[in-house]
Amino acid sequence: MGQRRVETFRLAVRFEKKVRQLLLAAEDGPLVEYAKLGDDAILSAPTPDHYLPLLYIIALRRKRDSTGFPVEGVDGGSVSMLAVQIG
């Protein structure tokens, strides 16, 4: 499609990084109440429809499960492509 390179929004990169950190630390509370993480979270996930599946995944995680990220990065300037693998 487009021939122009879209500059990535720093807020999207910061929010994706914060989500990765919380997942690796198994700190689920802030992930559940992600709007409390500030403007980066609110602007990166303005509606919960694409964010809520992450909560189902972490709800199924067991203590012995590892967490990985087979796909990372931001597309189109603001769309996180982060894929989370548990187990």
PDB file of N, CA and C in Angstrom:
ATOM      1  N   MET A   1       0.818  -1.173   0.000  1.00  0.00           N
ATOM      2  CA  MET A   1       0.000   0.000   0.000  1.00  0.00           C
ATOM      3  C   MET A   1       0.869   1.246   0.000  1.00  0.00           C
ATOM      4  N   GLY A   2       0.837   2.027   1.049  1.00  0.00           N
ATOM      5  CA  GLY A   2       1.495   3.329   1.063  1.00  0.00           C
ATOM      6  C   GLY A   2       2.988   3.271   0.796  1.00  0.00           C
ATOM      7  N   GLN A   3       3.471   4.294   0.153  1.00  0.00           N
ATOM      8  CA  GLN A   3       4.886   4.398  -0.174  1.00  0.00           C
ATOM      9  C   GLN A   3       5.658   5.199   0.871  1.00  0.00           C
ATOM     10  N   ARG A   4       4.925   5.868   1.751  1.00  0.00           N
ATOM     11  CA  ARG A   4       5.586   6.694   2.755  1.00  0.00           C
ATOM     12  C   ARG A   4       5.823   5.908   4.027  1.00  0.00           C
ATOM     13  N   ARG A   5       6.946   6.160   4.632  1.00  0.00           N
ATOM     14  CA  ARG A   5       7.245   5.556   5.933  1.00  0.00           C
ATOM     15  C   ARG A   5       6.571   6.403   7.001  1.00  0.00           C
ATOM     16  N   VAL A   6       5.818   5.752   7.867  1.00  0.00           N
ATOM     17  CA  VAL A   6       5.100   6.442   8.931  1.00  0.00           C
ATOM     18  C   VAL A   6       5.966   6.433  10.183  1.00  0.00           C
ATOM     19  N   GLU A   7       6.153   7.606  10.758  1.00  0.00           N
ATOM     20  CA  GLU A   7       6.936   7.698  11.988  1.00  0.00           C
ATOM     21  C   GLU A   7       6.145   7.096  13.149  1.00  0.00           C
ATOM     22  N   THR A   8       6.811   6.276  13.923  1.00  0.00           N
ATOM     23  CA  THR A   8       6.180   5.602  15.059  1.00  0.00           C
ATOM     24  C   THR A   8       5.954   6.588  16.193  1.00  0.00           C
ATOM     25  N   PHE A   9       4.755   6.526  16.776  1.00  0.00           N
ATOM     26  CA  PHE A   9       4.444   7.374  17.927  1.00  0.00           C
ATOM     27  C   PHE A   9       5.191   6.846  19.148  1.00  0.00           C
ATOM     28  N   ARG A  10       5.920   7.716  19.804  1.00  0.00           N
ATOM     29  CA  ARG A  10       6.691   7.306  20.988  1.00  0.00           C
ATOM     30  C   ARG A  10       5.787   6.749  22.091  1.00  0.00           C
ATOM     31  N   LEU A  11       4.576   7.283  22.201  1.00  0.00           N
ATOM     32  CA  LEU A  11       3.674   6.803  23.254  1.00  0.00           C
ATOM     33  C   LEU A  11       3.320   5.336  23.037  1.00  0.00           C
ATOM     34  N   ALA A  12       3.190   4.910  21.787  1.00  0.00           N
ATOM     35  CA  ALA A  12       2.868   3.508  21.500  1.00  0.00           C
ATOM     36  C   ALA A  12       4.039   2.603  21.870  1.00  0.00           C
ATOM     37  N   VAL A  13       5.246   3.064  21.582  1.00  0.00           N
ATOM     38  CA  VAL A  13       6.442   2.295  21.922  1.00  0.00           C
ATOM     39  C   VAL A  13       6.587   2.201  23.439  1.00  0.00           C
ATOM     40  N   ARG A  14       6.373   3.297  24.137  1.00  0.00           N
ATOM     41  CA  ARG A  14       6.478   3.288  25.605  1.00  0.00           C
ATOM     42  C   ARG A  14       5.451   2.363  26.232  1.00  0.00           C
ATOM     43  N   PHE A  15       4.208   2.409  25.726  1.00  0.00           N
ATOM     44  CA  PHE A  15       3.168   1.557  26.306  1.00  0.00           C
ATOM     45  C   PHE A  15       3.465   0.085  26.029  1.00  0.00           C
ATOM     46  N   GLU A  16       3.900  -0.241  24.824  1.00  0.00           N
ATOM     47  CA  GLU A  16       4.245  -1.631  24.520  1.00  0.00           C
ATOM     48  C   GLU A  16       5.380  -2.113  25.431  1.00  0.00           C
ATOM     49  N   LYS A  17       6.368  -1.264  25.647  1.00  0.00           N
ATOM     50  CA  LYS A  17       7.493  -1.619  26.523  1.00  0.00           C
ATOM     51  C   LYS A  17       7.002  -1.852  27.957  1.00  0.00           C
ATOM     52  N   LYS A  18       6.114  -0.993  28.439  1.00  0.00           N
ATOM     53  CA  LYS A  18       5.584  -1.131  29.795  1.00  0.00           C
ATOM     54  C   LYS A  18       4.791  -2.430  29.938  1.00  0.00           C
ATOM     55  N   VAL A  19       3.984  -2.748  28.932  1.00  0.00           N
ATOM     56  CA  VAL A  19       3.205  -3.992  28.968  1.00  0.00           C
ATOM     57  C   VAL A  19       4.140  -5.195  29.001  1.00  0.00           C
ATOM     58  N   ARG A  20       5.189  -5.183  28.187  1.00  0.00           N
ATOM     59  CA  ARG A  20       6.163  -6.288  28.197  1.00  0.00           C
ATOM     60  C   ARG A  20       6.802  -6.431  29.578  1.00  0.00           C
ATOM     61  N   GLN A  21       7.198  -5.316  30.180  1.00  0.00           N
ATOM     62  CA  GLN A  21       7.826  -5.356  31.506  1.00  0.00           C
ATOM     63  C   GLN A  21       6.875  -5.951  32.544  1.00  0.00           C
ATOM     64  N   LEU A  22       5.632  -5.511  32.533  1.00  0.00           N
ATOM     65  CA  LEU A  22       4.653  -6.016  33.504  1.00  0.00           C
ATOM     66  C   LEU A  22       4.372  -7.495  33.284  1.00  0.00           C
ATOM     67  N   LEU A  23       4.291  -7.916  32.039  1.00  0.00           N
ATOM     68  CA  LEU A  23       4.069  -9.334  31.755  1.00  0.00           C
ATOM     69  C   LEU A  23       5.229 -10.185  32.255  1.00  0.00           C
ATOM     70  N   LEU A  24       6.446  -9.745  31.998  1.00  0.00           N
ATOM     71  CA  LEU A  24       7.617 -10.508  32.431  1.00  0.00           C
ATOM     72  C   LEU A  24       7.730 -10.565  33.947  1.00  0.00           C
ATOM     73  N   ALA A  25       7.277  -9.521  34.626  1.00  0.00           N
ATOM     74  CA  ALA A  25       7.318  -9.480  36.089  1.00  0.00           C
ATOM     75  C   ALA A  25       6.087 -10.137  36.712  1.00  0.00           C
ATOM     76  N   ALA A  26       5.148 -10.590  35.871  1.00  0.00           N
ATOM     77  CA  ALA A  26       3.882 -11.186  36.325  1.00  0.00           C
ATOM     78  C   ALA A  26       3.121 -10.234  37.246  1.00  0.00           C
ATOM     79  N   GLU A  27       3.180  -8.940  36.938  1.00  0.00           N
ATOM     80  CA  GLU A  27       2.434  -7.924  37.680  1.00  0.00           C
ATOM     81  C   GLU A  27       1.130  -7.662  36.925  1.00  0.00           C
ATOM     82  N   ASP A  28       0.113  -8.436  37.247  1.00  0.00           N
ATOM     83  CA  ASP A  28      -1.126  -8.396  36.492  1.00  0.00           C
ATOM     84  C   ASP A  28      -2.046  -7.239  36.865  1.00  0.00           C
ATOM     85  N   GLY A  29      -1.982  -6.770  38.090  1.00  0.00           N
ATOM     86  CA  GLY A  29      -2.874  -5.689  38.531  1.00  0.00           C
ATOM     87  C   GLY A  29      -2.850  -4.474  37.620  1.00  0.00           C
ATOM     88  N   PRO A  30      -1.674  -3.912  37.348  1.00  0.00           N
ATOM     89  CA  PRO A  30      -1.625  -2.754  36.455  1.00  0.00           C
ATOM     90  C   PRO A  30      -2.096  -3.067  35.034  1.00  0.00           C
ATOM     91  N   LEU A  31      -1.918  -4.306  34.596  1.00  0.00           N
ATOM     92  CA  LEU A  31      -2.393  -4.681  33.262  1.00  0.00           C
ATOM     93  C   LEU A  31      -3.923  -4.700  33.217  1.00  0.00           C
ATOM     94  N   VAL A  32      -4.534  -5.142  34.298  1.00  0.00           N
ATOM     95  CA  VAL A  32      -5.990  -5.170  34.364  1.00  0.00           C
ATOM     96  C   VAL A  32      -6.546  -3.747  34.394  1.00  0.00           C
ATOM     97  N   GLU A  33      -5.939  -2.893  35.184  1.00  0.00           N
ATOM     98  CA  GLU A  33      -6.394  -1.502  35.299  1.00  0.00           C
ATOM     99  C   GLU A  33      -5.487  -0.597  34.471  1.00  0.00           C
ATOM    100  N   TYR A  34      -5.326  -0.950  33.206  1.00  0.00           N
ATOM    101  CA  TYR A  34      -4.336  -0.300  32.357  1.00  0.00           C
ATOM    102  C   TYR A  34      -4.555   1.206  32.195  1.00  0.00           C
ATOM    103  N   ALA A  35      -5.763   1.689  32.324  1.00  0.00           N
ATOM    104  CA  ALA A  35      -6.001   3.133  32.182  1.00  0.00           C
ATOM    105  C   ALA A  35      -5.255   3.925  33.257  1.00  0.00           C
ATOM    106  N   LYS A  36      -4.979   3.279  34.392  1.00  0.00           N
ATOM    107  CA  LYS A  36      -4.232   3.940  35.462  1.00  0.00           C
ATOM    108  C   LYS A  36      -2.745   4.073  35.133  1.00  0.00           C
ATOM    109  N   LEU A  37      -2.307   3.449  34.036  1.00  0.00           N
ATOM    110  CA  LEU A  37      -0.905   3.561  33.629  1.00  0.00           C
ATOM    111  C   LEU A  37      -0.623   4.891  32.948  1.00  0.00           C
ATOM    112  N   GLY A  38      -1.646   5.687  32.724  1.00  0.00           N
ATOM    113  CA  GLY A  38      -1.437   7.034  32.214  1.00  0.00           C
ATOM    114  C   GLY A  38      -1.835   7.239  30.770  1.00  0.00           C
ATOM    115  N   ASP A  39      -1.439   8.393  30.267  1.00  0.00           N
ATOM    116  CA  ASP A  39      -1.836   8.809  28.926  1.00  0.00           C
ATOM    117  C   ASP A  39      -1.357   7.853  27.836  1.00  0.00           C
ATOM    118  N   ASP A  40      -0.157   7.306  27.981  1.00  0.00           N
ATOM    119  CA  ASP A  40       0.332   6.368  26.961  1.00  0.00           C
ATOM    120  C   ASP A  40      -0.625   5.192  26.812  1.00  0.00           C
ATOM    121  N   ALA A  41      -1.116   4.684  27.927  1.00  0.00           N
ATOM    122  CA  ALA A  41      -2.046   3.553  27.893  1.00  0.00           C
ATOM    123  C   ALA A  41      -3.390   3.966  27.314  1.00  0.00           C
ATOM    124  N   ILE A  42      -3.895   5.088  27.759  1.00  0.00           N
ATOM    125  CA  ILE A  42      -5.212   5.548  27.305  1.00  0.00           C
ATOM    126  C   ILE A  42      -5.199   5.840  25.802  1.00  0.00           C
ATOM    127  N   LEU A  43      -4.146   6.462  25.325  1.00  0.00           N
ATOM    128  CA  LEU A  43      -4.066   6.789  23.904  1.00  0.00           C
ATOM    129  C   LEU A  43      -3.727   5.567  23.049  1.00  0.00           C
ATOM    130  N   SER A  44      -3.002   4.619  23.612  1.00  0.00           N
ATOM    131  CA  SER A  44      -2.632   3.411  22.862  1.00  0.00           C
ATOM    132  C   SER A  44      -3.778   2.416  22.786  1.00  0.00           C
ATOM    133  N   ALA A  45      -4.627   2.396  23.791  1.00  0.00           N
ATOM    134  CA  ALA A  45      -5.771   1.477  23.815  1.00  0.00           C
ATOM    135  C   ALA A  45      -7.023   2.269  24.179  1.00  0.00           C
ATOM    136  N   PRO A  46      -7.482   3.147  23.266  1.00  0.00           N
ATOM    137  CA  PRO A  46      -8.613   4.017  23.602  1.00  0.00           C
ATOM    138  C   PRO A  46      -9.932   3.267  23.778  1.00  0.00           C
ATOM    139  N   THR A  47     -10.042   2.091  23.168  1.00  0.00           N
ATOM    140  CA  THR A  47     -11.192   1.217  23.392  1.00  0.00           C
ATOM    141  C   THR A  47     -10.632  -0.153  23.780  1.00  0.00           C
ATOM    142  N   PRO A  48     -11.312  -0.868  24.640  1.00  0.00           N
ATOM    143  CA  PRO A  48     -10.738  -2.102  25.172  1.00  0.00           C
ATOM    144  C   PRO A  48     -10.807  -3.320  24.249  1.00  0.00           C
ATOM    145  N   ASP A  49     -11.466  -3.238  23.114  1.00  0.00           N
ATOM    146  CA  ASP A  49     -11.720  -4.427  22.305  1.00  0.00           C
ATOM    147  C   ASP A  49     -10.463  -5.158  21.852  1.00  0.00           C
ATOM    148  N   HIS A  50      -9.383  -4.447  21.587  1.00  0.00           N
ATOM    149  CA  HIS A  50      -8.149  -5.110  21.168  1.00  0.00           C
ATOM    150  C   HIS A  50      -7.230  -5.419  22.352  1.00  0.00           C
ATOM    151  N   TYR A  51      -7.504  -4.839  23.495  1.00  0.00           N
ATOM    152  CA  TYR A  51      -6.672  -5.033  24.680  1.00  0.00           C
ATOM    153  C   TYR A  51      -7.177  -6.174  25.558  1.00  0.00           C
ATOM    154  N   LEU A  52      -8.476  -6.346  25.651  1.00  0.00           N
ATOM    155  CA  LEU A  52      -9.060  -7.339  26.559  1.00  0.00           C
ATOM    156  C   LEU A  52      -8.578  -8.773  26.340  1.00  0.00           C
ATOM    157  N   PRO A  53      -8.313  -9.222  25.117  1.00  0.00           N
ATOM    158  CA  PRO A  53      -7.808 -10.602  24.967  1.00  0.00           C
ATOM    159  C   PRO A  53      -6.534 -10.872  25.768  1.00  0.00           C
ATOM    160  N   LEU A  54      -5.717  -9.849  25.975  1.00  0.00           N
ATOM    161  CA  LEU A  54      -4.512 -10.021  26.796  1.00  0.00           C
ATOM    162  C   LEU A  54      -4.884 -10.441  28.214  1.00  0.00           C
ATOM    163  N   LEU A  55      -5.965  -9.900  28.736  1.00  0.00           N
ATOM    164  CA  LEU A  55      -6.375 -10.238  30.103  1.00  0.00           C
ATOM    165  C   LEU A  55      -6.813 -11.691  30.219  1.00  0.00           C
ATOM    166  N   TYR A  56      -7.435 -12.221  29.173  1.00  0.00           N
ATOM    167  CA  TYR A  56      -7.794 -13.648  29.173  1.00  0.00           C
ATOM    168  C   TYR A  56      -6.540 -14.512  29.196  1.00  0.00           C
ATOM    169  N   ILE A  57      -5.533 -14.100  28.474  1.00  0.00           N
ATOM    170  CA  ILE A  57      -4.276 -14.856  28.418  1.00  0.00           C
ATOM    171  C   ILE A  57      -3.598 -14.862  29.786  1.00  0.00           C
ATOM    172  N   ILE A  58      -3.487 -13.700  30.418  1.00  0.00           N
ATOM    173  CA  ILE A  58      -2.793 -13.675  31.710  1.00  0.00           C
ATOM    174  C   ILE A  58      -3.605 -14.371  32.789  1.00  0.00           C
ATOM    175  N   ALA A  59      -4.920 -14.431  32.639  1.00  0.00           N
ATOM    176  CA  ALA A  59      -5.747 -15.142  33.616  1.00  0.00           C
ATOM    177  C   ALA A  59      -5.466 -16.642  33.591  1.00  0.00           C
ATOM    178  N   LEU A  60      -5.029 -17.152  32.462  1.00  0.00           N
ATOM    179  CA  LEU A  60      -4.744 -18.583  32.326  1.00  0.00           C
ATOM    180  C   LEU A  60      -3.296 -18.943  32.658  1.00  0.00           C
ATOM    181  N   ARG A  61      -2.465 -17.941  32.857  1.00  0.00           N
ATOM    182  CA  ARG A  61      -1.041 -18.175  33.119  1.00  0.00           C
ATOM    183  C   ARG A  61      -0.844 -18.823  34.485  1.00  0.00           C
ATOM    184  N   ARG A  62       0.062 -19.791  34.515  1.00  0.00           N
ATOM    185  CA  ARG A  62       0.458 -20.443  35.772  1.00  0.00           C
ATOM    186  C   ARG A  62       1.848 -19.960  36.152  1.00  0.00           C
ATOM    187  N   LYS A  63       2.203 -20.122  37.404  1.00  0.00           N
ATOM    188  CA  LYS A  63       3.492 -19.615  37.886  1.00  0.00           C
ATOM    189  C   LYS A  63       4.678 -20.178  37.126  1.00  0.00           C
ATOM    190  N   ARG A  64       4.594 -21.416  36.707  1.00  0.00           N
ATOM    191  CA  ARG A  64       5.739 -22.048  36.032  1.00  0.00           C
ATOM    192  C   ARG A  64       5.820 -21.704  34.540  1.00  0.00           C
ATOM    193  N   ASP A  65       4.804 -21.033  34.014  1.00  0.00           N
ATOM    194  CA  ASP A  65       4.780 -20.696  32.590  1.00  0.00           C
ATOM    195  C   ASP A  65       5.766 -19.577  32.262  1.00  0.00           C
ATOM    196  N   SER A  66       6.420 -19.737  31.142  1.00  0.00           N
ATOM    197  CA  SER A  66       7.290 -18.675  30.653  1.00  0.00           C
ATOM    198  C   SER A  66       6.467 -17.710  29.802  1.00  0.00           C
ATOM    199  N   THR A  67       7.005 -16.529  29.596  1.00  0.00           N
ATOM    200  CA  THR A  67       6.351 -15.519  28.778  1.00  0.00           C
ATOM    201  C   THR A  67       7.296 -15.108  27.667  1.00  0.00           C
ATOM    202  N   GLY A  68       6.804 -15.123  26.437  1.00  0.00           N
ATOM    203  CA  GLY A  68       7.613 -14.733  25.299  1.00  0.00           C
ATOM    204  C   GLY A  68       6.838 -13.810  24.373  1.00  0.00           C
ATOM    205  N   PHE A  69       7.557 -13.210  23.452  1.00  0.00           N
ATOM    206  CA  PHE A  69       6.973 -12.252  22.523  1.00  0.00           C
ATOM    207  C   PHE A  69       7.446 -12.586  21.111  1.00  0.00           C
ATOM    208  N   PRO A  70       6.743 -13.487  20.419  1.00  0.00           N
ATOM    209  CA  PRO A  70       7.173 -13.895  19.086  1.00  0.00           C
ATOM    210  C   PRO A  70       7.068 -12.778  18.048  1.00  0.00           C
ATOM    211  N   VAL A  71       6.231 -11.797  18.290  1.00  0.00           N
ATOM    212  CA  VAL A  71       6.101 -10.650  17.379  1.00  0.00           C
ATOM    213  C   VAL A  71       6.078  -9.389  18.229  1.00  0.00           C
ATOM    214  N   GLU A  72       6.904  -8.415  17.845  1.00  0.00           N
ATOM    215  CA  GLU A  72       6.946  -7.135  18.542  1.00  0.00           C
ATOM    216  C   GLU A  72       6.979  -6.021  17.516  1.00  0.00           C
ATOM    217  N   GLY A  73       6.765  -4.813  17.966  1.00  0.00           N
ATOM    218  CA  GLY A  73       6.889  -3.658  17.096  1.00  0.00           C
ATOM    219  C   GLY A  73       5.565  -2.953  16.873  1.00  0.00           C
ATOM    220  N   VAL A  74       5.681  -1.773  16.295  1.00  0.00           N
ATOM    221  CA  VAL A  74       4.525  -0.919  16.049  1.00  0.00           C
ATOM    222  C   VAL A  74       4.410  -0.695  14.553  1.00  0.00           C
ATOM    223  N   ASP A  75       3.201  -0.844  14.021  1.00  0.00           N
ATOM    224  CA  ASP A  75       2.943  -0.668  12.601  1.00  0.00           C
ATOM    225  C   ASP A  75       2.032   0.538  12.398  1.00  0.00           C
ATOM    226  N   GLY A  76       2.185   1.193  11.283  1.00  0.00           N
ATOM    227  CA  GLY A  76       1.311   2.313  10.970  1.00  0.00           C
ATOM    228  C   GLY A  76       1.417   3.469  11.937  1.00  0.00           C
ATOM    229  N   GLY A  77       2.504   3.547  12.655  1.00  0.00           N
ATOM    230  CA  GLY A  77       2.727   4.648  13.578  1.00  0.00           C
ATOM    231  C   GLY A  77       2.236   4.408  14.985  1.00  0.00           C
ATOM    232  N   SER A  78       1.138   3.638  15.133  1.00  0.00           N
ATOM    233  CA  SER A  78       0.577   3.527  16.475  1.00  0.00           C
ATOM    234  C   SER A  78      -0.040   2.173  16.815  1.00  0.00           C
ATOM    235  N   VAL A  79      -0.017   1.223  15.903  1.00  0.00           N
ATOM    236  CA  VAL A  79      -0.664  -0.071  16.153  1.00  0.00           C
ATOM    237  C   VAL A  79       0.383  -1.093  16.610  1.00  0.00           C
ATOM    238  N   SER A  80       0.299  -1.468  17.870  1.00  0.00           N
ATOM    239  CA  SER A  80       1.229  -2.456  18.402  1.00  0.00           C
ATOM    240  C   SER A  80       0.911  -3.825  17.802  1.00  0.00           C
ATOM    241  N   MET A  81       1.940  -4.502  17.351  1.00  0.00           N
ATOM    242  CA  MET A  81       1.784  -5.840  16.799  1.00  0.00           C
ATOM    243  C   MET A  81       2.211  -6.898  17.815  1.00  0.00           C
ATOM    244  N   LEU A  82       2.394  -6.492  19.073  1.00  0.00           N
ATOM    245  CA  LEU A  82       2.889  -7.379  20.125  1.00  0.00           C
ATOM    246  C   LEU A  82       2.030  -8.631  20.253  1.00  0.00           C
ATOM    247  N   ALA A  83       2.675  -9.766  20.119  1.00  0.00           N
ATOM    248  CA  ALA A  83       2.027 -11.055  20.340  1.00  0.00           C
ATOM    249  C   ALA A  83       2.646 -11.657  21.588  1.00  0.00           C
ATOM    250  N   VAL A  84       1.813 -12.184  22.455  1.00  0.00           N
ATOM    251  CA  VAL A  84       2.261 -12.722  23.742  1.00  0.00           C
ATOM    252  C   VAL A  84       2.060 -14.234  23.730  1.00  0.00           C
ATOM    253  N   GLN A  85       3.145 -14.936  24.092  1.00  0.00           N
ATOM    254  CA  GLN A  85       3.092 -16.399  24.177  1.00  0.00           C
ATOM    255  C   GLN A  85       3.347 -16.798  25.621  1.00  0.00           C
ATOM    256  N   ILE A  86       2.420 -17.518  26.189  1.00  0.00           N
ATOM    257  CA  ILE A  86       2.533 -17.985  27.570  1.00  0.00           C
ATOM    258  C   ILE A  86       2.705 -19.506  27.534  1.00  0.00           C
ATOM    259  N   GLY A  87       3.671 -19.981  28.301  1.00  0.00           N
ATOM    260  CA  GLY A  87       3.860 -21.421  28.402  1.00  0.00           C
ATOM    261  C   GLY A  87       5.018 -21.948  27.599  1.00  0.00           C
TER     262      GLY A  87
END
